[in-house]
Amino acid sequence: MLSALQATRRTTITRAFSTGPVLPRITERRPEETGRGGRASDAGVKVCVFGATGFLGRYVTSGLGTNGTMTYIGSRTDEFAYRHLRPHFELGRAKFQFYSSRDRQSMADLIADADIVINLIGKYYDTKKLEDTDKFPYLNYTISTSVHEANVKVPATIAELCKEMQVDNLIHVSSAAANPDSSSEWARTKFEGEQEVLKAYPWATIVRPTQMFGHEDKFLNWFANMAERFPVVPLIDGGHALTQPVWVDDVAKTINRIVDDPEMFEGRRVDCFGPQDYSYAELAKFVYDITGQEPTLSEVPNQVVKYGANVLQYEGNPMLTPDLVDLWSEDYLPEMTAEGYEAQAHKNKVYTMKDFGMESTPIEKIAFKYLHRFRTGGHFLLAQGYH
């Protein structure tokens, strides 16, 4: 039975969705809440986050810390992997714990008594390591963690544990590119992982963002880094494929809004996308207009780019892999147009950020903040008095 406070919040949210897409924020102090509201308070909810050390994870955990949420954060490495997350939380509002994705018990120990589990784990390349062999050249590359394991097996395990441990809510971050018929293994495994999660935990909330951009991204930064390393930057199949980038902070805010009242989104899907689509060729020119870099943009067929990708994939943190070439050869767009989302029947509605009272942030408002560092002399060369 709902408490008076929960009933009031549920009524407020229901009215918001019928009259205007505005959700209450946890940062507004509630009656009977411990603390003065926000970061220094106790929001009364425990959240376990898998994949918190990744690109999206740092923004999600920042929101959880700001809202006074007790957060359990898992890491498969040492404390240096997550030390940048510690300042997000008030003292005692976060627990950091080691786990292994191949040890169910360590994952169960991390989940513990969490009310909500958020899965942000994803991988676009196979992690490789060197092993000894008996024959020349006495060394061989072997896969330590595959794309399939990270995108399918681990999410399935998390969903199974959530069901076994009777966790109230599970939020699984998939991708707008998830497609069983894609030529990209990453897109196929994202779809398969999504299905495995729903099979084990049918009332999970699925979040599907398009390609995310932000300060630490491997998207717009990719073009700038390629221009620093190579005189020629390939446009895969001419760069004609379309994408509709979304700001990573908008996706994180959406997830934190779901955490605010997860029961409302049980078994539903939330699509996150930007306000406009672009071709990769347009994005390349946009980036180089900001950075002032002048690489040669070359329209190269998919199969030819893969020759270089077959070499670059062996880097520790590869800039380009054959599978990434396939992914960027296809459109990376939300399932429907804006009009299509608005015309949906409410019963089976796929939510968007607009339903959370959020407008997508244009790429032009954010990109300069982190791309101008690639300029020779930074932004100072454009100002009088610095010459």
Foldseek 3Di string as FASTA:
>chain_A
DDDPQRVVQVVVCVVCLVPHQAHDALQCDDPPWADDGFQGTASPFEEEEEPLLDDLNLLLLLSCNRSNYQYQYEDQDDPVSCPVNVVSHDPPSYHYYYDDLVDLVRVLVSCPQGQEYEYPWADQAFQWDWDADPDPVRIDIDGPGGRLCRLAVSLLSNLLSCVVVVRNAYEYEAALLQDCPAPFPRNPSSVNNVVSSCVSFVFYEYEHEFAEDAQPHLQLVLLLVCLVVDLEDECEQQQAAKTFYFYSSLSSVVVSSCVVPVVVRTNAYEYEGADDMDGRVVSSVVLCVLQVRDGHYHHDYLVVVQVVQVVQSPDNRGSHHSSVSSVSVHHRYHPDDPVVQVPDDPVRHHHYSSSNVDHTDDPVVGSNVNSQVNHDVGCVVVDPPPD
